[in-house]
Amino acid sequence: MIAEPNDESSSRAIARSCYTYSISASPDLAEAHYNLGRLDQADSSREAALARYRRVLELQPHERATPHAHLLANAHWESATLLEDLGRSQEALVAYRAALAGLSSFGVHHIRVAKFFRRMNCMTEALTEFRKGMGYSHRYFPEFLLPPLTAAEPVPPARLRPIHETARGEIVVFWQGQYYALPAQNRQNIDDGVFELSEEQLQNARQANNIASLEAPV
């Protein structure tokens, strides 16, 4: 029986019920076995998933299945990734090679098999797979798409603010990496909000790398 959707049934549980029912009606339906394997894999039931993929490889894709599904090659690939994760490297090597024999292109996922071949010291195969991966982008994955490039909004310069008053009564501001001590009569102008010092203010200001230097006796 197919599970009825309810508040306690996850979509994954419903999918599993559907695929299980499909297999009960058609035991040799390779696509249903494969999809159950993917569910087992997602649930971290690795041995169960491997058993499903082995069953898929004993069968043939449905005659009405789309050719571009590459069911058998994908079953080899998923088996290989599981075997690699389980540390069964020699079996994984056989499975990866079978997957690539059935489908030469696994898109951006070539990086995984390329690194695996390198670890197995299969350098010629590793180089081949690395080269395949170099021709791919993340264009198939919406989460990797960047928004259109637009000009950044101009950021106005920070307003000058009094940050210290010297013993002489001067107003100190920080501008362009330097401290400037301005005569007290400039306070109103600074308080009104300015973004830079005028030529006249620069001529009348004392400049230093730190406030302590401005307080040092002449």
C-alpha atoms as a PDB file:
ATOM      1  CA  MET A   1       0.000   0.000   0.000  1.00  0.00           C
ATOM      2  CA  ILE A   2       1.137   3.527  -0.790  1.00  0.00           C
ATOM      3  CA  ALA A   3       1.329   5.677   2.326  1.00  0.00           C
ATOM      4  CA  GLU A   4      -1.352   8.343   2.489  1.00  0.00           C
ATOM      5  CA  PRO A   5       0.057  11.858   2.892  1.00  0.00           C
ATOM      6  CA  ASN A   6      -0.474  13.216   6.375  1.00  0.00           C
ATOM      7  CA  ASP A   7       1.232  15.526   8.799  1.00  0.00           C
ATOM      8  CA  GLU A   8       3.571  12.782   9.982  1.00  0.00           C
ATOM      9  CA  SER A   9       4.625  11.482   6.561  1.00  0.00           C
ATOM     10  CA  SER A  10       7.660  13.121   5.045  1.00  0.00           C
ATOM     11  CA  SER A  11       7.904  13.496   1.295  1.00  0.00           C
ATOM     12  CA  ARG A  12      10.825  11.058   1.378  1.00  0.00           C
ATOM     13  CA  ALA A  13       8.739   8.409   3.140  1.00  0.00           C
ATOM     14  CA  ILE A  14       5.952   8.850   0.605  1.00  0.00           C
ATOM     15  CA  ALA A  15       8.444   8.556  -2.268  1.00  0.00           C
ATOM     16  CA  ARG A  16       9.872   5.373  -0.746  1.00  0.00           C
ATOM     17  CA  SER A  17       6.384   3.901  -0.505  1.00  0.00           C
ATOM     18  CA  CYS A  18       5.719   4.743  -4.142  1.00  0.00           C
ATOM     19  CA  TYR A  19       8.953   3.170  -5.407  1.00  0.00           C
ATOM     20  CA  THR A  20       8.442   0.088  -3.242  1.00  0.00           C
ATOM     21  CA  TYR A  21       4.944  -0.303  -4.646  1.00  0.00           C
ATOM     22  CA  SER A  22       6.329   0.076  -8.177  1.00  0.00           C
ATOM     23  CA  ILE A  23       8.803  -2.743  -7.563  1.00  0.00           C
ATOM     24  CA  SER A  24       6.089  -4.978  -6.150  1.00  0.00           C
ATOM     25  CA  ALA A  25       4.141  -4.431  -9.373  1.00  0.00           C
ATOM     26  CA  SER A  26       7.212  -4.631 -11.636  1.00  0.00           C
ATOM     27  CA  PRO A  27      10.197  -6.313  -9.910  1.00  0.00           C
ATOM     28  CA  ASP A  28      12.546  -5.584 -12.811  1.00  0.00           C
ATOM     29  CA  LEU A  29      11.865  -1.847 -12.985  1.00  0.00           C
ATOM     30  CA  ALA A  30      15.450  -0.641 -12.795  1.00  0.00           C
ATOM     31  CA  GLU A  31      14.476   3.021 -12.363  1.00  0.00           C
ATOM     32  CA  ALA A  32      12.530   2.271  -9.164  1.00  0.00           C
ATOM     33  CA  HIS A  33      15.452   0.305  -7.716  1.00  0.00           C
ATOM     34  CA  TYR A  34      17.792   3.170  -8.565  1.00  0.00           C
ATOM     35  CA  ASN A  35      15.570   5.770  -6.924  1.00  0.00           C
ATOM     36  CA  LEU A  36      15.279   3.645  -3.795  1.00  0.00           C
ATOM     37  CA  GLY A  37      19.063   3.443  -3.789  1.00  0.00           C
ATOM     38  CA  ARG A  38      19.271   7.225  -3.902  1.00  0.00           C
ATOM     39  CA  LEU A  39      16.885   7.438  -0.947  1.00  0.00           C
ATOM     40  CA  ASP A  40      18.977   4.912   0.992  1.00  0.00           C
ATOM     41  CA  GLN A  41      22.080   6.923   0.125  1.00  0.00           C
ATOM     42  CA  ALA A  42      20.458  10.129   1.352  1.00  0.00           C
ATOM     43  CA  ASP A  43      19.563   8.337   4.590  1.00  0.00           C
ATOM     44  CA  SER A  44      23.211   7.221   5.015  1.00  0.00           C
ATOM     45  CA  SER A  45      22.185   3.566   4.545  1.00  0.00           C
ATOM     46  CA  ARG A  46      25.234   2.872   2.421  1.00  0.00           C
ATOM     47  CA  GLU A  47      25.129  -0.910   2.259  1.00  0.00           C
ATOM     48  CA  ALA A  48      21.425  -0.852   1.397  1.00  0.00           C
ATOM     49  CA  ALA A  49      22.116   1.678  -1.346  1.00  0.00           C
ATOM     50  CA  LEU A  50      24.965  -0.444  -2.732  1.00  0.00           C
ATOM     51  CA  ALA A  51      22.664  -3.468  -2.849  1.00  0.00           C
ATOM     52  CA  ARG A  52      20.104  -1.420  -4.772  1.00  0.00           C
ATOM     53  CA  TYR A  53      22.682  -0.257  -7.302  1.00  0.00           C
ATOM     54  CA  ARG A  54      23.950  -3.815  -7.773  1.00  0.00           C
ATOM     55  CA  ARG A  55      20.379  -4.818  -8.556  1.00  0.00           C
ATOM     56  CA  VAL A  56      20.068  -1.953 -11.055  1.00  0.00           C
ATOM     57  CA  LEU A  57      23.190  -3.166 -12.838  1.00  0.00           C
ATOM     58  CA  GLU A  58      21.595  -6.595 -13.257  1.00  0.00           C
ATOM     59  CA  LEU A  59      18.662  -5.016 -15.099  1.00  0.00           C
ATOM     60  CA  GLN A  60      18.054  -2.915 -18.167  1.00  0.00           C
ATOM     61  CA  PRO A  61      16.513   0.565 -18.260  1.00  0.00           C
ATOM     62  CA  HIS A  62      12.845   0.645 -19.185  1.00  0.00           C
ATOM     63  CA  GLU A  63      12.278   0.694 -22.923  1.00  0.00           C
ATOM     64  CA  ARG A  64      10.458   4.013 -22.629  1.00  0.00           C
ATOM     65  CA  ALA A  65      13.071   5.635 -20.392  1.00  0.00           C
ATOM     66  CA  THR A  66      14.814   8.683 -21.771  1.00  0.00           C
ATOM     67  CA  PRO A  67      18.251   7.743 -23.157  1.00  0.00           C
ATOM     68  CA  HIS A  68      19.913  10.742 -21.524  1.00  0.00           C
ATOM     69  CA  ALA A  69      19.089   9.339 -18.057  1.00  0.00           C
ATOM     70  CA  HIS A  70      22.191   7.091 -18.371  1.00  0.00           C
ATOM     71  CA  LEU A  71      20.814   4.905 -15.601  1.00  0.00           C
ATOM     72  CA  LEU A  72      23.538   2.245 -15.604  1.00  0.00           C
ATOM     73  CA  ALA A  73      26.407   4.718 -15.739  1.00  0.00           C
ATOM     74  CA  ASN A  74      24.896   6.643 -12.839  1.00  0.00           C
ATOM     75  CA  ALA A  75      24.418   3.453 -10.843  1.00  0.00           C
ATOM     76  CA  HIS A  76      28.126   2.703 -11.328  1.00  0.00           C
ATOM     77  CA  TRP A  77      29.011   6.278 -10.317  1.00  0.00           C
ATOM     78  CA  GLU A  78      26.915   6.306  -7.143  1.00  0.00           C
ATOM     79  CA  SER A  79      28.291   2.892  -6.219  1.00  0.00           C
ATOM     80  CA  ALA A  80      31.794   4.224  -6.702  1.00  0.00           C
ATOM     81  CA  THR A  81      31.209   7.212  -4.424  1.00  0.00           C
ATOM     82  CA  LEU A  82      29.812   4.944  -1.702  1.00  0.00           C
ATOM     83  CA  LEU A  83      32.683   2.483  -2.019  1.00  0.00           C
ATOM     84  CA  GLU A  84      35.147   5.357  -1.853  1.00  0.00           C
ATOM     85  CA  ASP A  85      33.482   6.679   1.309  1.00  0.00           C
ATOM     86  CA  LEU A  86      33.611   3.190   2.823  1.00  0.00           C
ATOM     87  CA  GLY A  87      37.339   2.944   2.137  1.00  0.00           C
ATOM     88  CA  ARG A  88      36.919   0.130  -0.410  1.00  0.00           C
ATOM     89  CA  SER A  89      39.216   1.847  -2.867  1.00  0.00           C
ATOM     90  CA  GLN A  90      39.897  -1.004  -5.289  1.00  0.00           C
ATOM     91  CA  GLU A  91      36.187  -1.663  -5.736  1.00  0.00           C
ATOM     92  CA  ALA A  92      35.594   2.059  -6.118  1.00  0.00           C
ATOM     93  CA  LEU A  93      38.274   2.206  -8.813  1.00  0.00           C
ATOM     94  CA  VAL A  94      36.497  -0.493 -10.828  1.00  0.00           C
ATOM     95  CA  ALA A  95      33.135   1.232 -10.379  1.00  0.00           C
ATOM     96  CA  TYR A  96      34.435   4.680 -11.382  1.00  0.00           C
ATOM     97  CA  ARG A  97      36.008   3.239 -14.514  1.00  0.00           C
ATOM     98  CA  ALA A  98      32.751   1.481 -15.406  1.00  0.00           C
ATOM     99  CA  ALA A  99      30.823   4.721 -14.879  1.00  0.00           C
ATOM    100  CA  LEU A 100      33.169   6.659 -17.151  1.00  0.00           C
ATOM    101  CA  ALA A 101      33.023   3.935 -19.767  1.00  0.00           C
ATOM    102  CA  GLY A 102      29.240   4.332 -19.857  1.00  0.00           C
ATOM    103  CA  LEU A 103      29.185   8.118 -19.669  1.00  0.00           C
ATOM    104  CA  SER A 104      32.323  10.127 -20.265  1.00  0.00           C
ATOM    105  CA  SER A 105      30.949  13.361 -18.824  1.00  0.00           C
ATOM    106  CA  PHE A 106      29.719  13.835 -15.251  1.00  0.00           C
ATOM    107  CA  GLY A 107      30.005  17.601 -15.393  1.00  0.00           C
ATOM    108  CA  VAL A 108      31.486  19.466 -12.479  1.00  0.00           C
ATOM    109  CA  HIS A 109      31.616  16.215 -10.514  1.00  0.00           C
ATOM    110  CA  HIS A 110      34.727  15.183 -12.436  1.00  0.00           C
ATOM    111  CA  ILE A 111      36.740  16.841  -9.701  1.00  0.00           C
ATOM    112  CA  ARG A 112      35.836  14.006  -7.331  1.00  0.00           C
ATOM    113  CA  VAL A 113      36.966  11.179  -9.583  1.00  0.00           C
ATOM    114  CA  ALA A 114      40.039  13.150 -10.645  1.00  0.00           C
ATOM    115  CA  LYS A 115      41.134  13.508  -7.020  1.00  0.00           C
ATOM    116  CA  PHE A 116      40.359   9.840  -6.395  1.00  0.00           C
ATOM    117  CA  PHE A 117      42.498   8.720  -9.343  1.00  0.00           C
ATOM    118  CA  ARG A 118      45.312  10.923  -8.074  1.00  0.00           C
ATOM    119  CA  ARG A 119      45.134   9.312  -4.626  1.00  0.00           C
ATOM    120  CA  MET A 120      45.215   5.904  -6.295  1.00  0.00           C
ATOM    121  CA  ASN A 121      48.318   6.976  -8.246  1.00  0.00           C
ATOM    122  CA  CYS A 122      46.456   6.642 -11.555  1.00  0.00           C
ATOM    123  CA  MET A 123      47.995   9.844 -12.816  1.00  0.00           C
ATOM    124  CA  THR A 124      47.079   9.547 -16.500  1.00  0.00           C
ATOM    125  CA  GLU A 125      43.415   9.022 -15.665  1.00  0.00           C
ATOM    126  CA  ALA A 126      43.529  11.775 -13.054  1.00  0.00           C
ATOM    127  CA  LEU A 127      44.909  14.234 -15.596  1.00  0.00           C
ATOM    128  CA  THR A 128      42.200  13.283 -18.084  1.00  0.00           C
ATOM    129  CA  GLU A 129      39.439  13.906 -15.558  1.00  0.00           C
ATOM    130  CA  PHE A 130      40.958  17.155 -14.310  1.00  0.00           C
ATOM    131  CA  ARG A 131      41.026  18.379 -17.913  1.00  0.00           C
ATOM    132  CA  LYS A 132      37.361  17.463 -18.355  1.00  0.00           C
ATOM    133  CA  GLY A 133      36.451  19.414 -15.253  1.00  0.00           C
ATOM    134  CA  MET A 134      38.264  22.505 -16.507  1.00  0.00           C
ATOM    135  CA  GLY A 135      35.639  22.951 -19.221  1.00  0.00           C
ATOM    136  CA  TYR A 136      32.687  23.186 -16.853  1.00  0.00           C
ATOM    137  CA  SER A 137      31.139  25.991 -14.882  1.00  0.00           C
ATOM    138  CA  HIS A 138      28.388  26.025 -12.275  1.00  0.00           C
ATOM    139  CA  ARG A 139      25.842  27.170 -14.837  1.00  0.00           C
ATOM    140  CA  TYR A 140      23.599  24.189 -14.053  1.00  0.00           C
ATOM    141  CA  PHE A 141      23.296  25.070 -10.365  1.00  0.00           C
ATOM    142  CA  PRO A 142      21.126  28.149  -9.615  1.00  0.00           C
ATOM    143  CA  GLU A 143      22.643  28.563  -6.157  1.00  0.00           C
ATOM    144  CA  PHE A 144      25.976  29.376  -7.807  1.00  0.00           C
ATOM    145  CA  LEU A 145      24.624  31.997 -10.214  1.00  0.00           C
ATOM    146  CA  LEU A 146      25.790  35.516  -9.458  1.00  0.00           C
ATOM    147  CA  PRO A 147      23.432  38.486  -9.751  1.00  0.00           C
ATOM    148  CA  PRO A 148      23.980  40.847 -12.693  1.00  0.00           C
ATOM    149  CA  LEU A 149      26.890  43.172 -12.192  1.00  0.00           C
ATOM    150  CA  THR A 150      25.770  46.702 -11.388  1.00  0.00           C
ATOM    151  CA  ALA A 151      27.708  49.795 -10.493  1.00  0.00           C
ATOM    152  CA  ALA A 152      28.113  50.209  -6.771  1.00  0.00           C
ATOM    153  CA  GLU A 153      26.387  53.140  -5.171  1.00  0.00           C
ATOM    154  CA  PRO A 154      28.926  55.885  -4.476  1.00  0.00           C
ATOM    155  CA  VAL A 155      29.876  56.069  -0.828  1.00  0.00           C
ATOM    156  CA  PRO A 156      30.147  59.653   0.400  1.00  0.00           C
ATOM    157  CA  PRO A 157      33.274  60.519   2.377  1.00  0.00           C
ATOM    158  CA  ALA A 158      32.946  60.540   6.129  1.00  0.00           C
ATOM    159  CA  ARG A 159      32.223  63.899   7.724  1.00  0.00           C
ATOM    160  CA  LEU A 160      35.009  65.410   9.777  1.00  0.00           C
ATOM    161  CA  ARG A 161      34.323  65.305  13.497  1.00  0.00           C
ATOM    162  CA  PRO A 162      36.227  66.853  16.424  1.00  0.00           C
ATOM    163  CA  ILE A 163      37.951  63.991  18.250  1.00  0.00           C
ATOM    164  CA  HIS A 164      40.145  65.896  20.704  1.00  0.00           C
ATOM    165  CA  GLU A 165      40.816  69.349  22.113  1.00  0.00           C
ATOM    166  CA  THR A 166      44.445  70.179  22.781  1.00  0.00           C
ATOM    167  CA  ALA A 167      45.699  72.003  25.865  1.00  0.00           C
ATOM    168  CA  ARG A 168      45.983  75.053  23.637  1.00  0.00           C
ATOM    169  CA  GLY A 169      42.269  74.899  22.858  1.00  0.00           C
ATOM    170  CA  GLU A 170      42.757  73.624  19.289  1.00  0.00           C
ATOM    171  CA  ILE A 171      40.244  71.277  17.665  1.00  0.00           C
ATOM    172  CA  VAL A 172      41.752  68.008  16.427  1.00  0.00           C
ATOM    173  CA  VAL A 173      40.283  66.101  13.460  1.00  0.00           C
ATOM    174  CA  PHE A 174      41.501  63.009  11.603  1.00  0.00           C
ATOM    175  CA  TRP A 175      41.661  63.348   7.829  1.00  0.00           C
ATOM    176  CA  GLN A 176      43.446  61.357   5.124  1.00  0.00           C
ATOM    177  CA  GLY A 177      45.514  59.391   7.639  1.00  0.00           C
ATOM    178  CA  GLN A 178      46.750  62.391   9.622  1.00  0.00           C
ATOM    179  CA  TYR A 179      45.713  64.352  12.707  1.00  0.00           C
ATOM    180  CA  TYR A 180      45.174  68.095  12.282  1.00  0.00           C
ATOM    181  CA  ALA A 181      44.951  70.595  15.125  1.00  0.00           C
ATOM    182  CA  LEU A 182      42.810  73.526  13.987  1.00  0.00           C
ATOM    183  CA  PRO A 183      42.442  76.899  15.688  1.00  0.00           C
ATOM    184  CA  ALA A 184      39.453  77.041  18.036  1.00  0.00           C
ATOM    185  CA  GLN A 185      37.557  79.404  15.723  1.00  0.00           C
ATOM    186  CA  ASN A 186      37.160  76.505  13.253  1.00  0.00           C
ATOM    187  CA  ARG A 187      34.924  74.528  15.639  1.00  0.00           C
ATOM    188  CA  GLN A 188      31.662  75.935  14.324  1.00  0.00           C
ATOM    189  CA  ASN A 189      32.644  75.094  10.778  1.00  0.00           C
ATOM    190  CA  ILE A 190      33.556  71.505  11.769  1.00  0.00           C
ATOM    191  CA  ASP A 191      30.382  71.094  13.829  1.00  0.00           C
ATOM    192  CA  ASP A 192      28.323  72.146  10.818  1.00  0.00           C
ATOM    193  CA  GLY A 193      29.652  69.076   9.006  1.00  0.00           C
ATOM    194  CA  VAL A 194      32.399  69.231   6.411  1.00  0.00           C
ATOM    195  CA  PHE A 195      34.008  66.424   4.437  1.00  0.00           C
ATOM    196  CA  GLU A 196      37.466  67.883   3.903  1.00  0.00           C
ATOM    197  CA  LEU A 197      39.742  70.638   5.060  1.00  0.00           C
ATOM    198  CA  SER A 198      40.085  73.749   2.975  1.00  0.00           C
ATOM    199  CA  GLU A 199      43.419  75.091   1.801  1.00  0.00           C
ATOM    200  CA  GLU A 200      43.170  77.918   4.329  1.00  0.00           C
ATOM    201  CA  GLN A 201      42.470  75.483   7.177  1.00  0.00           C
ATOM    202  CA  LEU A 202      45.407  73.326   6.168  1.00  0.00           C
ATOM    203  CA  GLN A 203      47.717  76.330   6.218  1.00  0.00           C
ATOM    204  CA  ASN A 204      46.582  77.271   9.741  1.00  0.00           C
ATOM    205  CA  ALA A 205      46.585  73.707  11.119  1.00  0.00           C
ATOM    206  CA  ARG A 206      49.296  71.746  12.842  1.00  0.00           C
ATOM    207  CA  GLN A 207      49.742  68.202  11.472  1.00  0.00           C
ATOM    208  CA  ALA A 208      51.027  65.043  13.181  1.00  0.00           C
ATOM    209  CA  ASN A 209      50.860  61.245  13.018  1.00  0.00           C
ATOM    210  CA  ASN A 210      49.302  61.019  16.483  1.00  0.00           C
ATOM    211  CA  ILE A 211      47.554  63.191  19.004  1.00  0.00           C
ATOM    212  CA  ALA A 212      50.403  62.934  21.530  1.00  0.00           C
ATOM    213  CA  SER A 213      52.677  64.740  19.089  1.00  0.00           C
ATOM    214  CA  LEU A 214      50.190  67.604  18.881  1.00  0.00           C
ATOM    215  CA  GLU A 215      50.254  67.927  22.666  1.00  0.00           C
ATOM    216  CA  ALA A 216      54.054  67.930  22.870  1.00  0.00           C
ATOM    217  CA  PRO A 217      55.528  71.267  23.964  1.00  0.00           C
ATOM    218  CA  VAL A 218      56.961  73.371  21.156  1.00  0.00           C
END
